[in-house]
Amino acid sequence: MSDSPLSGNERKLLLCLLAFYREIGPSATPGMKGLDEESGVERWEMPEAVAGLRAKGLIEYWELQPAVRLTPEGLKIALIFPEEGND
């Protein structure tokens, strides 16, 4: 993983994926459609957030669906952050 800090949108997306992970389990692979609303990231900002997290090795991305999933490193990082609303 890169040592560069996460942007606000990357953090929001990572925490959203953590919520899916907790609800569904390690195989949670939510589709991109609607993930902007779930995460609180503007639709036009999602590609940048996804690209940033992919470049840092924190998520996997499937173009066919398209869908995303936390990597083991992404899960470790997501667990460090306080839950939204509990800051």
C-alpha atoms as a PDB file:
ATOM      1  CA  MET A   1       0.000   0.000   0.000  1.00  0.00           C
ATOM      2  CA  SER A   2       1.076   3.537  -0.659  1.00  0.00           C
ATOM      3  CA  ASP A   3       1.825   5.757   2.323  1.00  0.00           C
ATOM      4  CA  SER A   4      -0.190   8.610   0.814  1.00  0.00           C
ATOM      5  CA  PRO A   5      -3.212   9.658   2.888  1.00  0.00           C
ATOM      6  CA  LEU A   6      -6.732   8.903   1.753  1.00  0.00           C
ATOM      7  CA  SER A   7      -8.871  11.667   0.325  1.00  0.00           C
ATOM      8  CA  GLY A   8     -12.231  12.331   1.950  1.00  0.00           C
ATOM      9  CA  ASN A   9     -14.042  10.516  -0.845  1.00  0.00           C
ATOM     10  CA  GLU A  10     -11.684   7.547  -0.683  1.00  0.00           C
ATOM     11  CA  ARG A  11     -12.337   7.314   3.059  1.00  0.00           C
ATOM     12  CA  LYS A  12     -16.118   7.491   2.554  1.00  0.00           C
ATOM     13  CA  LEU A  13     -16.000   4.746  -0.079  1.00  0.00           C
ATOM     14  CA  LEU A  14     -13.724   2.560   2.035  1.00  0.00           C
ATOM     15  CA  LEU A  15     -16.045   2.860   5.051  1.00  0.00           C
ATOM     16  CA  CYS A  16     -19.054   2.105   2.848  1.00  0.00           C
ATOM     17  CA  LEU A  17     -17.349  -1.058   1.604  1.00  0.00           C
ATOM     18  CA  LEU A  18     -16.565  -1.977   5.211  1.00  0.00           C
ATOM     19  CA  ALA A  19     -20.298  -1.756   5.984  1.00  0.00           C
ATOM     20  CA  PHE A  20     -21.027  -4.144   3.099  1.00  0.00           C
ATOM     21  CA  TYR A  21     -18.264  -6.439   4.362  1.00  0.00           C
ATOM     22  CA  ARG A  22     -19.774  -6.497   7.845  1.00  0.00           C
ATOM     23  CA  GLU A  23     -23.298  -7.100   6.554  1.00  0.00           C
ATOM     24  CA  ILE A  24     -22.577  -9.658   3.825  1.00  0.00           C
ATOM     25  CA  GLY A  25     -19.144 -11.037   4.635  1.00  0.00           C
ATOM     26  CA  PRO A  26     -15.763 -11.262   2.904  1.00  0.00           C
ATOM     27  CA  SER A  27     -17.317 -11.979  -0.485  1.00  0.00           C
ATOM     28  CA  ALA A  28     -19.257  -8.681  -0.477  1.00  0.00           C
ATOM     29  CA  THR A  29     -18.822  -7.224  -3.949  1.00  0.00           C
ATOM     30  CA  PRO A  30     -21.324  -4.394  -4.383  1.00  0.00           C
ATOM     31  CA  GLY A  31     -22.002  -3.070  -7.847  1.00  0.00           C
ATOM     32  CA  MET A  32     -21.001   0.479  -8.642  1.00  0.00           C
ATOM     33  CA  LYS A  33     -24.568   1.498  -9.467  1.00  0.00           C
ATOM     34  CA  GLY A  34     -25.964   3.221  -6.388  1.00  0.00           C
ATOM     35  CA  LEU A  35     -22.701   3.002  -4.472  1.00  0.00           C
ATOM     36  CA  ASP A  36     -22.325   6.765  -4.768  1.00  0.00           C
ATOM     37  CA  GLU A  37     -25.530   7.285  -2.787  1.00  0.00           C
ATOM     38  CA  GLU A  38     -24.585   4.611  -0.242  1.00  0.00           C
ATOM     39  CA  SER A  39     -21.148   6.102   0.351  1.00  0.00           C
ATOM     40  CA  GLY A  40     -22.053   9.787   0.163  1.00  0.00           C
ATOM     41  CA  VAL A  41     -19.628  10.371  -2.717  1.00  0.00           C
ATOM     42  CA  GLU A  42     -20.915  12.392  -5.659  1.00  0.00           C
ATOM     43  CA  ARG A  43     -21.406  10.239  -8.767  1.00  0.00           C
ATOM     44  CA  TRP A  44     -18.931  12.297 -10.788  1.00  0.00           C
ATOM     45  CA  GLU A  45     -16.309  11.858  -8.040  1.00  0.00           C
ATOM     46  CA  MET A  46     -16.615   8.061  -7.811  1.00  0.00           C
ATOM     47  CA  PRO A  47     -14.140   7.210 -10.611  1.00  0.00           C
ATOM     48  CA  GLU A  48     -11.406   9.208  -8.881  1.00  0.00           C
ATOM     49  CA  ALA A  49     -12.132   7.608  -5.483  1.00  0.00           C
ATOM     50  CA  VAL A  50     -12.161   4.105  -7.003  1.00  0.00           C
ATOM     51  CA  ALA A  51      -8.955   4.764  -8.945  1.00  0.00           C
ATOM     52  CA  GLY A  52      -7.246   6.106  -5.817  1.00  0.00           C
ATOM     53  CA  LEU A  53      -8.196   3.097  -3.692  1.00  0.00           C
ATOM     54  CA  ARG A  54      -7.202   0.689  -6.480  1.00  0.00           C
ATOM     55  CA  ALA A  55      -3.826   2.392  -6.865  1.00  0.00           C
ATOM     56  CA  LYS A  56      -3.248   2.012  -3.118  1.00  0.00           C
ATOM     57  CA  GLY A  57      -4.179  -1.686  -3.289  1.00  0.00           C
ATOM     58  CA  LEU A  58      -7.166  -1.273  -0.959  1.00  0.00           C
ATOM     59  CA  ILE A  59      -9.912  -2.480  -3.304  1.00  0.00           C
ATOM     60  CA  GLU A  60     -10.360  -4.796  -6.256  1.00  0.00           C
ATOM     61  CA  TYR A  61     -12.439  -3.647  -9.239  1.00  0.00           C
ATOM     62  CA  TRP A  62     -14.332  -5.740 -11.790  1.00  0.00           C
ATOM     63  CA  GLU A  63     -15.185  -3.905 -14.984  1.00  0.00           C
ATOM     64  CA  LEU A  64     -17.744  -6.449 -16.214  1.00  0.00           C
ATOM     65  CA  GLN A  65     -20.323  -5.781 -13.533  1.00  0.00           C
ATOM     66  CA  PRO A  66     -18.752  -3.141 -12.554  1.00  0.00           C
ATOM     67  CA  ALA A  67     -18.212  -3.914  -8.887  1.00  0.00           C
ATOM     68  CA  VAL A  68     -15.673  -3.395  -6.100  1.00  0.00           C
ATOM     69  CA  ARG A  69     -14.461  -5.344  -3.068  1.00  0.00           C
ATOM     70  CA  LEU A  70     -12.099  -4.686  -0.168  1.00  0.00           C
ATOM     71  CA  THR A  71      -8.696  -6.322  -0.300  1.00  0.00           C
ATOM     72  CA  PRO A  72      -7.237  -7.696   2.943  1.00  0.00           C
ATOM     73  CA  GLU A  73      -5.108  -4.522   3.203  1.00  0.00           C
ATOM     74  CA  GLY A  74      -8.206  -2.386   2.560  1.00  0.00           C
ATOM     75  CA  LEU A  75     -10.026  -4.121   5.392  1.00  0.00           C
ATOM     76  CA  LYS A  76      -7.143  -3.412   7.788  1.00  0.00           C
ATOM     77  CA  ILE A  77      -7.119   0.268   6.856  1.00  0.00           C
ATOM     78  CA  ALA A  78     -10.930   0.605   6.998  1.00  0.00           C
ATOM     79  CA  LEU A  79     -10.998  -0.827  10.518  1.00  0.00           C
ATOM     80  CA  ILE A  80      -8.644   1.929  11.699  1.00  0.00           C
ATOM     81  CA  PHE A  81     -11.115   4.710  10.877  1.00  0.00           C
ATOM     82  CA  PRO A  82     -13.961   5.568  13.240  1.00  0.00           C
ATOM     83  CA  GLU A  83     -17.416   4.895  11.863  1.00  0.00           C
ATOM     84  CA  GLU A  84     -19.125   7.853  10.169  1.00  0.00           C
ATOM     85  CA  GLY A  85     -21.123   9.773  12.728  1.00  0.00           C
ATOM     86  CA  ASN A  86     -18.900   8.532  15.562  1.00  0.00           C
ATOM     87  CA  ASP A  87     -15.980  10.905  14.821  1.00  0.00           C
END
